[in-house]
N, C-alpha and C. Protein backbone atom coordinates (compact mmCIF):
# COMPACT_ATOMS: atom_id res chain seq x y z
N UNK A 1 96.23 94.15 89.15
CA UNK A 1 97.04 95.22 89.69
C UNK A 1 96.75 96.54 88.99
N UNK A 2 95.58 96.70 88.50
CA UNK A 2 95.08 97.95 87.95
C UNK A 2 95.93 98.50 86.80
N UNK A 3 96.60 97.64 86.10
CA UNK A 3 97.34 98.03 84.90
C UNK A 3 98.41 99.09 85.17
N UNK A 4 99.16 98.94 86.25
CA UNK A 4 100.19 99.90 86.60
C UNK A 4 101.56 99.55 86.03
N UNK A 5 101.67 98.44 85.35
CA UNK A 5 102.95 98.05 84.77
C UNK A 5 104.01 97.84 85.84
N UNK A 6 105.13 98.52 85.68
CA UNK A 6 106.24 98.32 86.61
C UNK A 6 105.94 98.85 88.02
N UNK A 7 104.88 99.63 88.19
CA UNK A 7 104.52 100.11 89.52
C UNK A 7 103.65 99.12 90.29
N UNK A 8 103.35 97.99 89.69
CA UNK A 8 102.50 96.99 90.35
C UNK A 8 103.15 96.46 91.63
N UNK A 9 104.46 96.52 91.75
CA UNK A 9 105.14 96.06 92.95
C UNK A 9 104.67 96.84 94.18
N UNK A 10 104.25 98.10 93.98
CA UNK A 10 103.77 98.91 95.11
C UNK A 10 102.50 98.29 95.68
N UNK A 11 101.60 97.89 94.81
CA UNK A 11 100.37 97.26 95.29
C UNK A 11 100.64 95.89 95.89
N UNK A 12 101.60 95.18 95.35
CA UNK A 12 101.96 93.88 95.90
C UNK A 12 102.48 94.03 97.33
N UNK A 13 103.38 94.97 97.54
CA UNK A 13 103.92 95.20 98.88
C UNK A 13 102.82 95.68 99.82
N UNK A 14 101.92 96.54 99.33
CA UNK A 14 100.80 97.02 100.14
C UNK A 14 99.93 95.85 100.59
N UNK A 15 99.65 94.93 99.69
CA UNK A 15 98.86 93.76 100.03
C UNK A 15 99.55 92.92 101.09
N UNK A 16 100.85 92.72 100.95
CA UNK A 16 101.60 91.96 101.95
C UNK A 16 101.58 92.65 103.32
N UNK A 17 101.68 93.96 103.32
CA UNK A 17 101.63 94.71 104.58
C UNK A 17 100.28 94.51 105.26
N UNK A 18 99.20 94.69 104.49
CA UNK A 18 97.86 94.57 105.07
C UNK A 18 97.61 93.16 105.59
N UNK A 19 97.92 92.15 104.78
CA UNK A 19 97.67 90.77 105.21
C UNK A 19 98.56 90.37 106.39
N UNK A 20 99.79 90.84 106.41
CA UNK A 20 100.67 90.53 107.54
C UNK A 20 100.14 91.16 108.82
N UNK A 21 99.73 92.41 108.75
CA UNK A 21 99.17 93.06 109.93
C UNK A 21 97.89 92.36 110.39
N UNK A 22 97.05 91.96 109.44
CA UNK A 22 95.83 91.24 109.82
C UNK A 22 96.18 89.93 110.51
N UNK A 23 97.18 89.22 110.01
CA UNK A 23 97.57 87.95 110.61
C UNK A 23 98.08 88.15 112.03
N UNK A 24 98.77 89.25 112.27
CA UNK A 24 99.29 89.52 113.60
C UNK A 24 98.17 89.96 114.55
N UNK A 25 97.17 90.66 114.03
CA UNK A 25 96.20 91.32 114.91
C UNK A 25 94.83 90.66 115.04
N UNK A 26 94.36 89.92 114.03
CA UNK A 26 93.01 89.36 114.09
C UNK A 26 93.01 88.06 114.89
N UNK A 27 92.17 87.99 115.94
CA UNK A 27 92.14 86.78 116.77
C UNK A 27 91.42 85.63 116.08
N UNK A 28 91.69 84.42 116.54
CA UNK A 28 91.10 83.23 115.93
C UNK A 28 89.59 83.19 116.12
N UNK A 29 89.08 83.71 117.24
CA UNK A 29 87.64 83.65 117.45
C UNK A 29 86.87 84.46 116.41
N UNK A 30 87.54 85.39 115.74
CA UNK A 30 86.89 86.12 114.65
C UNK A 30 86.64 85.19 113.47
N UNK A 31 87.54 84.25 113.23
CA UNK A 31 87.37 83.32 112.12
C UNK A 31 86.44 82.17 112.47
N UNK A 32 86.22 81.95 113.76
CA UNK A 32 85.31 80.89 114.18
C UNK A 32 83.85 81.31 114.07
N UNK A 33 83.61 82.59 113.84
CA UNK A 33 82.24 83.07 113.75
C UNK A 33 81.61 83.29 115.12
N UNK A 34 82.41 83.26 116.18
CA UNK A 34 81.90 83.46 117.53
C UNK A 34 81.66 84.93 117.85
N UNK A 35 82.26 85.79 117.09
CA UNK A 35 82.15 87.23 117.33
C UNK A 35 81.21 87.80 116.28
N UNK A 36 80.07 88.30 116.72
CA UNK A 36 79.10 88.84 115.77
C UNK A 36 79.53 90.22 115.29
N UNK A 37 79.54 91.17 116.17
CA UNK A 37 79.95 92.53 115.81
C UNK A 37 81.07 92.94 116.76
N UNK A 38 82.26 92.67 116.37
CA UNK A 38 83.40 92.91 117.22
C UNK A 38 84.04 94.24 116.84
N UNK A 39 83.96 95.20 117.73
CA UNK A 39 84.51 96.53 117.45
C UNK A 39 86.02 96.47 117.30
N UNK A 40 86.67 95.58 118.04
CA UNK A 40 88.12 95.49 117.89
C UNK A 40 88.49 94.96 116.50
N UNK A 41 87.66 94.06 115.95
CA UNK A 41 87.91 93.55 114.61
C UNK A 41 87.76 94.68 113.59
N UNK A 42 86.72 95.50 113.75
CA UNK A 42 86.56 96.65 112.86
C UNK A 42 87.70 97.64 113.03
N UNK A 43 88.22 97.75 114.26
CA UNK A 43 89.39 98.60 114.50
C UNK A 43 90.63 98.08 113.81
N UNK A 44 90.81 96.76 113.81
CA UNK A 44 91.94 96.16 113.09
C UNK A 44 91.81 96.43 111.60
N UNK A 45 90.60 96.26 111.07
CA UNK A 45 90.38 96.56 109.65
C UNK A 45 90.74 98.01 109.34
N UNK A 46 90.28 98.92 110.19
CA UNK A 46 90.55 100.35 109.97
C UNK A 46 92.05 100.63 110.02
N UNK A 47 92.72 100.08 111.03
CA UNK A 47 94.16 100.32 111.17
C UNK A 47 94.95 99.78 109.98
N UNK A 48 94.70 98.53 109.63
CA UNK A 48 95.48 97.93 108.54
C UNK A 48 95.18 98.59 107.21
N UNK A 49 93.92 98.95 106.98
CA UNK A 49 93.58 99.64 105.74
C UNK A 49 94.22 101.02 105.68
N UNK A 50 94.22 101.74 106.81
CA UNK A 50 94.84 103.07 106.83
C UNK A 50 96.34 102.97 106.58
N UNK A 51 96.99 101.99 107.20
CA UNK A 51 98.43 101.80 106.97
C UNK A 51 98.69 101.46 105.50
N UNK A 52 97.89 100.56 104.93
CA UNK A 52 98.06 100.18 103.53
C UNK A 52 97.80 101.33 102.58
N UNK A 53 96.74 102.08 102.83
CA UNK A 53 96.42 103.23 101.97
C UNK A 53 97.50 104.30 102.06
N UNK A 54 97.97 104.55 103.28
CA UNK A 54 99.05 105.53 103.46
C UNK A 54 100.31 105.09 102.74
N UNK A 55 100.64 103.80 102.85
CA UNK A 55 101.85 103.29 102.20
C UNK A 55 101.77 103.43 100.69
N UNK A 56 100.64 103.04 100.11
CA UNK A 56 100.55 103.08 98.66
C UNK A 56 100.60 104.53 98.15
N UNK A 57 99.94 105.44 98.86
CA UNK A 57 100.00 106.85 98.45
C UNK A 57 101.39 107.43 98.65
N UNK A 58 102.09 107.00 99.70
CA UNK A 58 103.46 107.46 99.92
C UNK A 58 104.36 106.98 98.78
N UNK A 59 104.20 105.73 98.38
CA UNK A 59 105.01 105.20 97.28
C UNK A 59 104.67 105.89 95.96
N UNK A 60 103.38 106.13 95.72
CA UNK A 60 102.99 106.84 94.49
C UNK A 60 103.56 108.26 94.48
N UNK A 61 103.67 108.86 95.66
CA UNK A 61 104.29 110.19 95.76
C UNK A 61 105.79 110.09 95.50
N UNK A 62 106.41 109.04 96.03
CA UNK A 62 107.86 108.86 95.86
C UNK A 62 108.25 108.67 94.41
N UNK A 63 107.41 107.99 93.62
CA UNK A 63 107.75 107.77 92.22
C UNK A 63 107.22 108.87 91.31
N UNK A 64 106.54 109.88 91.89
CA UNK A 64 106.10 111.03 91.12
C UNK A 64 104.72 110.91 90.50
N UNK A 65 103.96 109.91 90.88
CA UNK A 65 102.61 109.75 90.36
C UNK A 65 101.65 110.75 90.99
N UNK A 66 101.90 111.13 92.24
CA UNK A 66 101.11 112.12 92.98
C UNK A 66 102.06 113.14 93.58
N UNK A 67 101.54 114.33 93.82
CA UNK A 67 102.25 115.27 94.69
C UNK A 67 101.82 114.96 96.11
N UNK A 68 102.56 115.45 97.08
CA UNK A 68 102.21 115.20 98.48
C UNK A 68 100.84 115.80 98.81
N UNK A 69 100.56 116.95 98.26
CA UNK A 69 99.27 117.59 98.52
C UNK A 69 98.12 116.77 97.94
N UNK A 70 98.31 116.26 96.73
CA UNK A 70 97.27 115.44 96.10
C UNK A 70 97.06 114.14 96.87
N UNK A 71 98.14 113.56 97.36
CA UNK A 71 98.03 112.32 98.14
C UNK A 71 97.23 112.55 99.42
N UNK A 72 97.46 113.68 100.08
CA UNK A 72 96.71 114.00 101.29
C UNK A 72 95.23 114.21 101.00
N UNK A 73 94.93 114.81 99.86
CA UNK A 73 93.54 115.03 99.47
C UNK A 73 92.85 113.70 99.17
N UNK A 74 93.56 112.77 98.59
CA UNK A 74 93.00 111.48 98.19
C UNK A 74 92.91 110.51 99.37
N UNK A 75 93.74 110.68 100.39
CA UNK A 75 93.85 109.71 101.47
C UNK A 75 92.52 109.42 102.17
N UNK A 76 91.87 110.43 102.71
CA UNK A 76 90.66 110.17 103.50
C UNK A 76 89.48 109.65 102.67
N UNK A 77 89.17 110.22 101.50
CA UNK A 77 88.07 109.64 100.74
C UNK A 77 88.34 108.19 100.30
N UNK A 78 89.58 107.90 99.92
CA UNK A 78 89.94 106.54 99.52
C UNK A 78 89.81 105.60 100.70
N UNK A 79 90.31 106.02 101.84
CA UNK A 79 90.20 105.21 103.05
C UNK A 79 88.74 104.97 103.42
N UNK A 80 87.93 106.02 103.40
CA UNK A 80 86.52 105.90 103.80
C UNK A 80 85.75 104.95 102.88
N UNK A 81 85.95 105.07 101.59
CA UNK A 81 85.26 104.20 100.64
C UNK A 81 85.70 102.75 100.83
N UNK A 82 86.99 102.52 100.90
CA UNK A 82 87.50 101.16 101.06
C UNK A 82 87.13 100.57 102.42
N UNK A 83 87.06 101.41 103.46
CA UNK A 83 86.69 100.89 104.77
C UNK A 83 85.24 100.44 104.79
N UNK A 84 84.36 101.19 104.15
CA UNK A 84 82.95 100.79 104.09
C UNK A 84 82.82 99.43 103.40
N UNK A 85 83.54 99.25 102.31
CA UNK A 85 83.51 97.98 101.60
C UNK A 85 84.11 96.88 102.46
N UNK A 86 85.26 97.16 103.07
CA UNK A 86 85.96 96.17 103.90
C UNK A 86 85.12 95.77 105.12
N UNK A 87 84.48 96.72 105.78
CA UNK A 87 83.68 96.41 106.97
C UNK A 87 82.47 95.54 106.63
N UNK A 88 81.98 95.67 105.42
CA UNK A 88 80.83 94.86 105.00
C UNK A 88 81.25 93.48 104.51
N UNK A 89 82.35 93.40 103.77
CA UNK A 89 82.73 92.15 103.10
C UNK A 89 83.65 91.26 103.94
N UNK A 90 84.61 91.82 104.66
CA UNK A 90 85.61 91.00 105.35
C UNK A 90 85.02 90.04 106.38
N UNK A 91 84.08 90.44 107.22
CA UNK A 91 83.53 89.45 108.16
C UNK A 91 82.87 88.27 107.44
N UNK A 92 82.22 88.53 106.35
CA UNK A 92 81.59 87.46 105.57
C UNK A 92 82.66 86.54 104.99
N UNK A 93 83.71 87.12 104.44
CA UNK A 93 84.79 86.32 103.87
C UNK A 93 85.49 85.48 104.93
N UNK A 94 85.76 86.07 106.08
CA UNK A 94 86.44 85.34 107.15
C UNK A 94 85.60 84.14 107.59
N UNK A 95 84.29 84.35 107.78
CA UNK A 95 83.42 83.26 108.22
C UNK A 95 83.27 82.20 107.15
N UNK A 96 83.38 82.59 105.88
CA UNK A 96 83.21 81.65 104.78
C UNK A 96 84.49 80.87 104.49
N UNK A 97 85.60 81.55 104.46
CA UNK A 97 86.86 80.94 104.02
C UNK A 97 87.57 80.19 105.15
N UNK A 98 87.52 80.70 106.38
CA UNK A 98 88.28 80.09 107.47
C UNK A 98 87.95 78.63 107.73
N UNK A 99 86.67 78.22 107.75
CA UNK A 99 86.41 76.78 107.95
C UNK A 99 87.03 75.90 106.86
N UNK A 100 86.99 76.36 105.64
CA UNK A 100 87.59 75.60 104.53
C UNK A 100 89.10 75.53 104.72
N UNK A 101 89.72 76.62 105.15
CA UNK A 101 91.17 76.61 105.38
C UNK A 101 91.54 75.61 106.48
N UNK A 102 90.73 75.57 107.56
CA UNK A 102 91.01 74.62 108.63
C UNK A 102 90.89 73.18 108.13
N UNK A 103 89.91 72.91 107.26
CA UNK A 103 89.76 71.56 106.68
C UNK A 103 91.02 71.19 105.89
N UNK A 104 91.58 72.17 105.20
CA UNK A 104 92.80 71.93 104.42
C UNK A 104 94.05 71.90 105.28
N UNK A 105 93.92 72.20 106.57
CA UNK A 105 95.06 72.17 107.47
C UNK A 105 95.80 73.49 107.57
N UNK A 106 95.22 74.55 107.06
CA UNK A 106 95.83 75.88 107.14
C UNK A 106 95.35 76.53 108.42
N UNK A 107 96.26 77.07 109.21
CA UNK A 107 95.89 77.69 110.48
C UNK A 107 95.15 78.99 110.23
N UNK A 108 94.06 79.22 110.95
CA UNK A 108 93.32 80.47 110.82
C UNK A 108 93.19 81.11 112.19
N UNK A 109 94.14 81.90 112.52
CA UNK A 109 94.17 82.66 113.76
C UNK A 109 95.27 83.68 113.60
N UNK A 110 95.60 84.36 114.67
CA UNK A 110 96.67 85.34 114.52
C UNK A 110 98.02 84.76 114.91
N UNK A 111 99.04 85.52 114.68
CA UNK A 111 100.41 85.07 114.91
C UNK A 111 100.63 84.66 116.35
N UNK A 112 100.11 85.45 117.30
CA UNK A 112 100.37 85.19 118.72
C UNK A 112 99.70 83.90 119.16
N UNK A 113 98.48 83.65 118.68
CA UNK A 113 97.80 82.39 119.01
C UNK A 113 98.55 81.20 118.39
N UNK A 114 98.99 81.36 117.16
CA UNK A 114 99.75 80.30 116.50
C UNK A 114 101.00 79.99 117.29
N UNK A 115 101.71 81.02 117.71
CA UNK A 115 102.95 80.83 118.46
C UNK A 115 102.69 80.16 119.81
N UNK A 116 101.62 80.59 120.50
CA UNK A 116 101.26 79.99 121.78
C UNK A 116 100.89 78.51 121.60
N UNK A 117 100.10 78.20 120.58
CA UNK A 117 99.72 76.81 120.30
C UNK A 117 100.93 75.96 119.95
N UNK A 118 101.82 76.52 119.19
CA UNK A 118 103.02 75.79 118.79
C UNK A 118 103.91 75.51 119.99
N UNK A 119 104.05 76.50 120.87
CA UNK A 119 104.86 76.33 122.08
C UNK A 119 104.26 75.27 123.00
N UNK A 120 102.93 75.26 123.12
CA UNK A 120 102.31 74.26 124.00
C UNK A 120 102.39 72.85 123.40
N UNK A 121 102.41 72.74 122.09
CA UNK A 121 102.54 71.43 121.45
C UNK A 121 103.95 70.87 121.58
N UNK A 122 104.95 71.75 121.62
CA UNK A 122 106.34 71.31 121.70
C UNK A 122 106.90 71.40 123.10
N UNK A 123 106.15 72.01 124.02
CA UNK A 123 106.68 72.26 125.34
C UNK A 123 106.25 71.25 126.30
């Protein structure tokens, strides 16, 4: 948590926001490796990263770590750098980790697919 001490909760909440949004928005076929270059998947990455980056900078502004002007200056370069890393690494991680999760019995798809599958199993 980058040695923030008591401010580490901000990064924890940011992580939960990003992962929750990814779970709601990323389709299961992305984890199956069926989608090679899916623009919607890159759009989900961009959206969730932007929301997470905005949230963390907003919280850092709220606790006085940044001024609002400084947060706005930092927002786009931070987003751009992290998006480049995320766009390169996340598809590889999803294709690598998802099959192992399925073997362990952990569902790898989005919330809506999970809900639809659950309804059809009980309906």
